[in-house]
Protein backbone atom coordinates (compact mmCIF):
# COMPACT_ATOMS: atom_id res chain seq x y z
CA MET A 1 -88.73 32.91 75.46
CA GLN A 2 -90.29 35.67 74.51
CA ALA A 3 -91.58 36.65 71.50
CA ASP A 4 -91.69 40.15 69.20
CA THR A 5 -94.61 39.91 66.38
CA THR A 6 -93.02 43.10 65.52
CA GLY A 7 -95.89 43.37 62.33
CA ARG A 8 -94.56 46.30 60.31
CA ALA A 9 -91.64 44.26 58.98
CA THR A 10 -92.56 44.47 54.97
CA GLN A 11 -93.43 42.77 52.30
CA GLY A 12 -91.73 41.72 48.99
CA ASN A 13 -88.82 39.94 47.27
CA GLY A 14 -85.12 39.61 48.22
CA SER A 15 -83.69 43.12 47.63
CA LEU A 16 -86.47 44.43 50.35
CA GLY A 17 -84.43 43.41 53.24
CA LYS A 18 -82.25 47.04 53.34
CA LYS A 19 -85.51 49.01 52.88
CA ILE A 20 -87.56 48.06 56.31
CA ALA A 21 -87.42 50.56 58.44
CA LYS A 22 -86.05 50.44 61.84
CA ILE A 23 -88.86 52.71 63.24
CA ALA A 24 -91.26 49.89 63.73
CA SER A 25 -90.21 46.52 62.77
CA LEU A 26 -92.05 44.91 64.75
CA ALA A 27 -91.88 41.26 63.67
CA ALA A 28 -92.53 37.95 64.81
CA VAL A 29 -89.38 38.04 67.14
CA ILE A 30 -88.40 35.69 69.68
CA ALA A 31 -86.23 37.28 71.76
CA VAL A 32 -83.47 35.01 73.66
CA VAL A 33 -83.50 37.01 77.13
CA PHE A 34 -86.32 39.92 77.22
CA MET A 35 -86.24 43.51 78.33
CA ALA A 36 -89.64 45.58 77.60
CA GLY A 37 -90.40 46.70 74.39
CA LEU A 38 -92.23 46.20 71.46
CA GLY A 39 -91.06 42.67 71.02
CA ILE A 40 -87.48 42.29 71.50
CA GLY A 41 -85.21 41.15 73.92
CA SER A 42 -81.81 42.51 75.84
CA GLY A 43 -78.87 41.12 77.34
CA ASN A 44 -75.90 39.47 76.64
CA ILE A 45 -77.05 36.02 76.16
CA VAL A 46 -77.14 34.31 72.94
CA LEU A 47 -79.29 31.35 72.39
CA SER A 48 -79.01 28.94 69.45
CA SER A 49 -81.69 27.97 68.01
CA SER A 50 -82.65 24.24 66.35
CA GLN A 51 -80.51 24.17 62.88
CA ASN A 52 -82.73 24.54 59.92
CA SER A 53 -82.78 21.43 57.98
CA SER A 54 -82.55 23.02 54.93
CA ASN A 55 -79.59 24.33 55.26
CA LYS A 56 -77.90 21.31 56.35
CA ASP A 57 -76.20 21.13 52.78
CA LEU A 58 -74.23 24.62 53.46
CA PRO A 59 -70.12 24.51 54.25
CA ALA A 60 -69.41 24.21 57.94
CA ASP A 61 -68.11 27.53 57.13
CA LEU A 62 -67.65 30.23 54.44
CA ASP A 63 -64.70 31.14 52.20
CA TYR A 64 -63.07 34.44 52.49
CA THR A 65 -60.64 34.20 50.17
CA GLU A 66 -62.61 36.32 47.39
CA ILE A 67 -63.55 38.83 50.04
CA GLU A 68 -59.85 39.16 51.43
CA GLN A 69 -59.13 40.10 47.62
CA LEU A 70 -61.78 43.11 47.09
CA TYR A 71 -60.55 44.28 50.59
CA ASP A 72 -56.92 44.53 49.58
CA LEU A 73 -57.57 45.65 45.99
CA LEU A 74 -60.01 48.59 48.19
CA LYS A 75 -57.55 49.31 50.39
CA ALA A 76 -55.00 49.73 47.18
CA ASN A 77 -56.99 51.60 44.65
CA TYR A 78 -60.04 53.72 46.76
CA ASP A 79 -59.63 57.42 46.12
CA GLY A 80 -60.96 57.91 50.04
CA LYS A 81 -60.65 57.43 53.03
CA LEU A 82 -62.07 53.91 54.07
CA ASP A 83 -63.41 52.81 57.87
CA ALA A 84 -62.37 49.18 58.71
CA GLU A 85 -65.29 49.04 61.28
CA ALA A 86 -67.99 50.33 58.58
CA LEU A 87 -66.55 47.57 56.23
CA ILE A 88 -67.41 44.84 58.60
CA ASP A 89 -70.16 46.22 59.07
CA GLY A 90 -71.22 46.18 55.89
CA LEU A 91 -70.39 42.58 55.22
CA LYS A 92 -72.28 41.92 58.13
CA SER A 93 -75.43 43.54 56.57
CA GLY A 94 -74.38 41.87 53.08
CA LEU A 95 -74.39 38.49 54.46
CA THR A 96 -78.66 38.58 56.07
CA ASP A 97 -79.91 40.47 52.75
CA ALA A 98 -78.26 38.27 50.94
CA ALA A 99 -81.39 35.49 52.89
CA GLY A 100 -83.57 37.47 50.52
CA ASP A 101 -85.93 37.91 53.38
CA PRO A 102 -86.66 41.53 54.44
CA TYR A 103 -87.00 40.63 58.33
CA THR A 104 -83.78 39.04 58.81
CA GLU A 105 -81.25 41.61 59.42
CA TYR A 106 -77.79 42.40 61.02
CA PHE A 107 -78.40 46.07 63.72
CA ASN A 108 -74.97 47.18 64.15
CA PRO A 109 -74.41 48.12 68.28
CA GLU A 110 -76.30 51.96 67.12
CA GLU A 111 -78.60 50.60 65.18
CA ALA A 112 -79.24 47.93 67.92
CA LYS A 113 -79.39 50.22 70.53
CA GLU A 114 -81.98 52.10 68.55
CA PHE A 115 -83.77 49.35 67.53
CA ASP A 116 -84.27 47.79 71.66
CA ALA A 117 -84.99 51.65 72.17
CA GLU A 118 -88.40 51.65 69.69
CA LEU A 119 -89.14 47.62 71.14
CA SER A 120 -89.31 49.80 74.17
CA GLY A 121 -91.91 52.50 72.82
CA SER A 122 -89.97 54.81 73.59
CA PHE A 123 -87.90 56.74 70.78
CA THR A 124 -87.23 59.80 69.03
CA GLY A 125 -88.64 60.62 65.45
CA ILE A 126 -92.46 60.95 64.06
CA GLY A 127 -93.99 58.14 65.27
CA ALA A 128 -94.45 56.19 62.20
CA GLU A 129 -94.06 52.46 60.82
CA LEU A 130 -92.50 52.32 57.63
CA GLY A 131 -92.26 49.03 55.07
CA GLU A 132 -92.42 48.86 51.71
CA ASP A 133 -95.13 47.41 49.49
CA GLU A 134 -95.42 45.03 46.54
CA ASP A 135 -93.82 46.73 44.09
CA GLY A 136 -90.56 47.37 46.41
CA ASN A 137 -92.01 51.01 47.49
CA LEU A 138 -90.93 52.23 50.25
CA ILE A 139 -94.69 53.04 52.67
CA ILE A 140 -96.09 54.03 55.41
CA VAL A 141 -97.53 50.87 57.29
CA SER A 142 -98.78 52.22 60.35
CA PRO A 143 -98.55 56.14 61.62
CA ILE A 144 -98.94 56.02 65.32
CA ASP A 145 -102.13 57.66 66.83
CA GLY A 146 -101.51 60.40 68.76
CA PHE A 147 -97.83 61.29 67.23
CA PRO A 148 -96.77 63.52 64.56
CA ALA A 149 -97.13 61.09 61.87
CA SER A 150 -100.74 60.39 62.28
CA LYS A 151 -101.58 64.29 63.61
CA ALA A 152 -100.08 65.29 60.05
CA GLY A 153 -101.79 63.41 58.14
CA LEU A 154 -100.02 60.96 57.10
CA ARG A 155 -101.94 57.49 56.62
CA PRO A 156 -101.25 53.39 56.06
CA GLN A 157 -100.04 52.86 52.52
CA ASP A 158 -98.55 56.47 51.51
CA ILE A 159 -95.86 55.66 49.32
CA ILE A 160 -92.30 57.63 50.55
CA VAL A 161 -91.56 59.72 47.52
CA SER A 162 -89.07 62.04 49.21
CA ILE A 163 -87.60 62.74 52.60
CA ASP A 164 -86.60 66.72 52.66
CA GLY A 165 -86.44 66.61 49.17
CA LYS A 166 -84.01 63.57 48.87
CA SER A 167 -85.88 60.54 46.53
CA THR A 168 -86.27 57.01 48.13
CA ASN A 169 -85.63 55.79 45.53
CA ASP A 170 -83.05 52.85 46.07
CA MET A 171 -82.98 54.63 49.66
CA ASN A 172 -81.99 51.66 52.19
CA THR A 173 -83.48 51.18 55.70
CA ASN A 174 -80.44 53.19 57.23
CA GLU A 175 -81.05 56.31 54.64
CA ALA A 176 -84.28 56.74 55.66
CA VAL A 177 -84.19 55.85 59.26
CA LYS A 178 -81.12 58.68 59.53
CA LEU A 179 -83.17 61.12 57.35
CA ILE A 180 -86.84 60.62 59.18
CA ARG A 181 -84.86 61.12 62.55
CA GLY A 182 -83.73 63.80 64.52
CA GLU A 183 -84.06 65.76 67.71
CA LYS A 184 -87.11 66.96 68.84
CA GLY A 185 -88.47 69.80 68.19
CA SER A 186 -86.71 69.33 64.36
CA LYS A 187 -88.82 69.51 61.29
CA VAL A 188 -88.81 66.56 58.60
CA THR A 189 -90.40 67.26 54.91
CA LEU A 190 -92.01 63.57 53.46
CA ARG A 191 -93.66 63.61 50.03
CA VAL A 192 -96.58 60.94 49.23
CA LEU A 193 -97.98 59.49 46.65
CA ARG A 194 -101.52 58.49 48.07
CA ASN A 195 -103.82 55.53 46.52
CA LYS A 196 -100.61 56.25 43.75
CA SER A 197 -102.30 59.52 42.33
CA GLU A 198 -102.40 61.83 45.52
CA ASP A 199 -99.11 64.35 45.32
CA LEU A 200 -98.98 65.43 48.70
CA SER A 201 -96.06 66.99 50.85
CA PHE A 202 -95.92 66.83 54.83
CA THR A 203 -93.79 68.99 57.46
CA ILE A 204 -93.91 66.92 60.45
CA THR A 205 -92.02 67.95 63.69
CA ARG A 206 -90.30 65.67 65.43
CA ASP A 207 -90.69 64.44 69.10
CA ALA A 208 -90.46 62.01 71.71
CA ILE A 209 -92.26 58.52 71.07
CA THR A 210 -93.28 57.53 74.47
CA ILE A 211 -96.22 54.63 73.69
CA PRO A 212 -98.94 53.70 75.80
CA SER A 213 -99.83 50.00 74.36
CA VAL A 214 -103.14 50.11 75.71
CA LYS A 215 -105.66 52.79 76.13
CA TRP A 216 -109.79 51.99 77.57
CA GLU A 217 -112.74 54.13 78.13
CA VAL A 218 -116.49 52.72 78.39
CA LEU A 219 -118.45 53.91 75.62
CA GLU A 220 -122.66 55.40 75.95
CA GLY A 221 -124.18 51.97 76.14
CA GLY A 222 -122.05 50.27 77.88
CA ILE A 223 -119.77 48.96 75.52
CA GLY A 224 -115.91 48.60 76.93
CA TYR A 225 -113.46 50.04 74.32
CA LEU A 226 -109.76 48.83 74.34
CA GLN A 227 -107.17 49.89 71.96
CA ILE A 228 -103.86 48.31 71.99
CA SER A 229 -101.71 50.45 69.82
CA GLN A 230 -98.63 48.08 69.73
CA PHE A 231 -97.68 44.79 72.29
CA SER A 232 -95.54 45.98 74.38
CA ALA A 233 -93.62 44.18 77.79
CA ASP A 234 -96.17 45.69 79.32
CA THR A 235 -99.63 45.18 77.48
CA SER A 236 -100.87 42.01 79.39
CA GLN A 237 -100.84 43.67 82.49
CA LEU A 238 -102.64 46.69 81.35
CA ALA A 239 -105.13 45.09 78.87
CA ARG A 240 -106.00 43.11 81.96
CA GLU A 241 -106.46 45.88 84.42
CA ALA A 242 -109.11 47.30 81.48
CA ALA A 243 -110.62 43.86 80.97
CA GLU A 244 -111.09 43.96 85.28
CA ALA A 245 -112.36 47.62 84.90
CA PHE A 246 -114.96 46.26 82.11
CA LYS A 247 -116.32 43.49 84.32
CA SER A 248 -116.82 45.86 87.30
CA LYS A 249 -118.96 48.38 84.88
CA ASN A 250 -121.05 45.37 83.83
CA VAL A 251 -120.29 46.57 80.10
CA LYS A 252 -122.72 44.72 77.53
CA GLY A 253 -119.91 44.10 74.91
CA VAL A 254 -116.51 44.93 74.15
CA VAL A 255 -114.41 46.25 70.65
CA LEU A 256 -110.92 45.87 70.58
CA ASP A 257 -109.27 48.10 68.56
CA LEU A 258 -105.98 47.01 67.09
CA ARG A 259 -105.64 49.44 63.85
CA GLY A 260 -102.58 50.68 63.08
CA ASP A 261 -101.15 48.21 65.68
CA PRO A 262 -97.83 46.74 64.23
CA GLY A 263 -97.22 43.86 66.53
CA GLY A 264 -94.44 43.39 69.20
CA LEU A 265 -94.52 40.74 71.85
CA LEU A 266 -96.16 37.33 70.53
CA ASN A 267 -96.36 36.07 74.23
CA SER A 268 -98.48 39.45 75.10
CA ALA A 269 -100.71 38.36 72.17
CA VAL A 270 -101.50 35.17 73.54
CA ASP A 271 -102.14 37.03 76.62
CA VAL A 272 -104.49 39.54 75.56
CA ALA A 273 -106.42 36.56 72.96
CA SER A 274 -106.71 34.17 76.29
CA MET A 275 -108.77 37.09 77.89
CA TRP A 276 -111.60 35.41 75.54
CA LEU A 277 -110.68 32.04 74.86
CA PRO A 278 -111.11 28.77 76.99
CA LYS A 279 -107.70 27.37 78.21
CA GLY A 280 -106.42 25.17 75.50
CA LYS A 281 -107.93 26.56 72.39
CA THR A 282 -105.34 27.45 69.96
CA ILE A 283 -104.16 30.84 69.02
CA LEU A 284 -101.78 30.18 66.79
CA GLN A 285 -99.12 27.31 64.99
CA GLN A 286 -95.34 28.14 64.44
CA LYS A 287 -93.83 25.94 61.89
CA GLN A 288 -90.29 25.76 60.17
CA GLY A 289 -90.30 23.81 56.79
CA GLY A 290 -93.99 22.95 56.98
CA VAL A 291 -93.65 21.14 60.07
CA THR A 292 -95.52 22.86 63.52
CA THR A 293 -92.62 23.62 65.99
CA GLU A 294 -95.05 25.32 68.49
CA THR A 295 -98.29 25.49 69.30
CA TYR A 296 -99.53 28.95 71.02
CA SER A 297 -102.82 27.94 73.00
CA ALA A 298 -105.08 30.34 75.58
CA THR A 299 -103.73 30.62 79.09
CA GLY A 300 -107.02 30.58 80.33
CA ASP A 301 -107.31 33.66 81.99
CA THR A 302 -110.73 33.92 80.17
CA ILE A 303 -111.87 37.29 81.71
CA LEU A 304 -113.90 38.66 79.18
CA GLN A 305 -115.09 35.22 77.80
CA GLY A 306 -118.10 34.91 76.40
CA LEU A 307 -119.16 39.09 76.32
CA PRO A 308 -119.86 40.11 72.13
CA THR A 309 -116.60 41.51 70.90
CA ALA A 310 -115.73 43.07 67.38
CA VAL A 311 -112.30 43.44 66.78
CA LEU A 312 -111.43 46.88 64.04
CA ILE A 313 -108.24 46.25 61.88
CA ASN A 314 -106.75 48.13 58.76
CA ALA A 315 -103.80 48.05 56.64
CA GLY A 316 -101.55 48.85 59.75
CA SER A 317 -102.40 45.86 61.86
CA ALA A 318 -99.80 43.87 61.29
CA SER A 319 -98.06 40.60 62.98
CA ALA A 320 -99.20 40.12 66.53
CA SER A 321 -102.40 42.07 65.97
CA GLU A 322 -102.90 40.03 63.50
CA PHE A 323 -102.60 37.12 65.27
CA VAL A 324 -105.30 38.35 68.00
CA ALA A 325 -107.66 38.93 65.45
CA GLY A 326 -107.26 35.69 63.58
CA ALA A 327 -107.31 33.76 66.67
CA LEU A 328 -110.37 35.44 68.34
CA ARG A 329 -112.24 34.82 64.79
CA ASP A 330 -111.40 31.20 63.99
CA ASN A 331 -112.55 30.27 67.73
CA ASN A 332 -115.85 32.51 66.93
CA VAL A 333 -115.57 34.00 69.71
CA ALA A 334 -115.34 38.04 67.78
CA THR A 335 -116.43 39.42 64.81
CA LEU A 336 -114.11 41.70 62.60
CA TYR A 337 -114.67 45.11 61.35
CA GLY A 338 -112.64 47.69 59.31
CA GLU A 339 -110.38 46.87 55.99
CA LYS A 340 -107.79 44.25 55.03
CA SER A 341 -104.90 43.66 57.73
CA TYR A 342 -101.24 43.77 56.23
CA GLY A 343 -100.26 40.43 56.19
CA LYS A 344 -97.08 39.51 57.94
CA GLY A 345 -97.16 35.82 58.49
CA SER A 346 -93.04 34.62 59.62
CA VAL A 347 -91.29 34.47 62.92
CA GLN A 348 -88.17 36.33 64.06
CA GLU A 349 -85.30 35.34 66.89
CA ILE A 350 -83.21 37.91 68.08
CA HIS A 351 -79.26 36.82 69.14
CA HIS A 352 -77.53 39.67 70.81
CA LEU A 353 -74.03 39.91 69.70
CA PRO A 354 -70.75 40.29 72.20
CA ASN A 355 -70.15 44.04 70.99
CA GLY A 356 -73.54 45.27 70.98
CA ALA A 357 -74.80 44.09 67.61
CA GLU A 358 -77.61 42.14 67.24
CA ILE A 359 -78.87 40.21 64.58
CA LYS A 360 -82.78 38.95 63.76
CA ILE A 361 -83.57 35.68 61.36
CA THR A 362 -86.28 34.73 60.38
CA ILE A 363 -87.12 31.16 61.73
CA ALA A 364 -90.44 29.93 61.21
CA ARG A 365 -93.72 31.06 59.48
CA TRP A 366 -97.21 32.06 61.32
CA TYR A 367 -100.79 30.32 60.73
CA ARG A 368 -103.90 30.76 62.17
CA PRO A 369 -105.95 28.22 64.22
CA ASN A 370 -107.73 27.89 60.81
CA GLY A 371 -104.69 26.99 58.78
CA GLU A 372 -103.80 29.76 56.77
CA ASN A 373 -100.64 31.52 57.03
CA ILE A 374 -101.34 35.32 55.88
CA ASP A 375 -98.02 36.55 54.90
CA LYS A 376 -98.51 39.17 52.41
CA LYS A 377 -102.38 38.37 52.49
CA GLY A 378 -103.70 39.50 55.39
CA ILE A 379 -106.89 38.79 57.11
CA LYS A 380 -110.46 40.51 55.56
CA PRO A 381 -112.71 41.19 57.77
CA ASP A 382 -116.16 39.52 58.14
CA LYS A 383 -117.57 43.67 57.39
CA GLU A 384 -115.31 45.97 55.75
CA VAL A 385 -115.79 49.35 56.05
CA LYS A 386 -113.74 52.13 54.53
CA MET A 387 -112.76 55.50 55.93
CA SER A 388 -113.60 58.34 53.48
CA GLU A 389 -111.32 61.25 52.60
CA ASP A 390 -113.71 63.42 54.19
CA ASP A 391 -114.44 60.77 57.02
CA TYR A 392 -110.95 61.66 58.07
CA LYS A 393 -111.24 65.66 57.52
CA GLN A 394 -114.33 65.22 59.72
CA GLY A 395 -112.91 63.13 62.57
CA ARG A 396 -115.81 60.53 62.35
CA ASP A 397 -114.86 57.21 62.48
CA PRO A 398 -117.92 54.72 60.56
CA GLN A 399 -115.27 52.24 61.67
CA LYS A 400 -115.73 52.57 65.52
CA ASP A 401 -119.00 52.87 65.17
CA ALA A 402 -120.04 49.69 63.14
CA ALA A 403 -118.39 47.98 65.43
CA VAL A 404 -120.16 49.75 68.74
CA GLN A 405 -123.74 48.96 67.09
CA PHE A 406 -123.03 45.35 66.00
CA VAL A 407 -122.27 44.80 69.84
CA GLN A 408 -125.16 46.84 70.99
CA SER A 409 -127.35 44.67 68.78
CA GLN A 410 -125.92 41.20 70.15
C-alpha cells in the first residue's frame, strides 16, 4: 500500500475537521489503491484495516431512530426545498466530524475528485495549503513556491480573515475551498492578519496549478541543491535522477530544501530519506494505541550517503517533509536549518466508497527514530535562521545561504 503524508493537515481540537482545506489535505495517508498524487490512492477497492481495539465496545450498528425523527420533522416543517442527497452527505460528514479529529474527513464524489486531483499535483486555484492554528483560525500553511499565492506574497501562518469580503469566522472547509477555488484567470481577494498584528489584503489571480515535485541545480562551489515541494508519485524517481546528477558532477555536499512542503506519499518520503541512510536504518515508526504496528526503514539506495547535508525546514514543512527531516537528523546524517516545522504526526487511511466518495481516517500516529511524536510541536532546527520582512521584499534567502555555507565548511 502507498501512504500519503499530506502534512497540511491542521492542528486543533475536535471541531476543526470542517476547517481543513482540501487544497492541501496532505496528511500521512495510507492509500488503498495508488493513483499518482500527493498522497492518495484511487480506485474502487475498499481495504479494511485491523480494527482499533479502543473502539471494541462500540455497538455493531448505530441506532438511526432519532435521525429518522429529525428527517421527518425537517421534511414536514422546513420552509424551503430540501435535497435528499445533500442531507445524506451531511450525515456522513457529521459522522466523521464527530470523531473530533481534523484529519478524519468524508469527501462526497465531487470533493473526492478534487482531492485526488490535488494529490496528483494538478488543480485550479491559488496554490496554497490551508489549515487551522491552535486558536481555530483559518490559516495559510504553505503557499506553494512559484504559484499565485506565493507570488502575491502570502506566507505560512497568515490568518485568513475574509475571502472576497466574507468573514471566515465559523467557515467550514467546503465553504473556504469553494470561495477560493475558481476558474483560471478569475480573481479572489484574501484579507489576512500577519503576525496577529498586520492587516493585509491580497487580490490573487487563479491559475492552473501543476506542481513539479522536484527541482534541482548545482550551486556555485559545487553544492547540490534539491528542492521538494511535495512528496508525489514521481518524487522518488525525480529525486534519484537529481542525486545521480549530483554524483556525476562530484558535488561536495547537498542542501535539501523542504520549506513549504506540506507532505505527500509516505513511501516517496521513505525513498528520499533512503538516499542518505544505510539499509535498515529507522526512518519512522507507526503506532496505534501506543503499540508499534509498522516500522519504515531505509531501503539501501544510498546514493548520497556520506555527503555533508543540510535540510531546510520552516512552518510550512509538514508531515512527509517532517518524516524526512527528522529521520536524517536523528540518524546524524544531516543538520537542520531554518525555522520550526508545522507539526503533523498522524497517519491517515483512504477508503474509496462505491459512489465515488472517499473517507480519510486517522489510523495511527507516527514517531521519529528518536521516539518523539511531533504532532502540534513540530521539529526545531539545529540552527534557527529567520526570514525578515526585508528579506522577503528584497528576494534574499538567508536560510538557504546559511545552509550552503554550512555544507561548504564540512
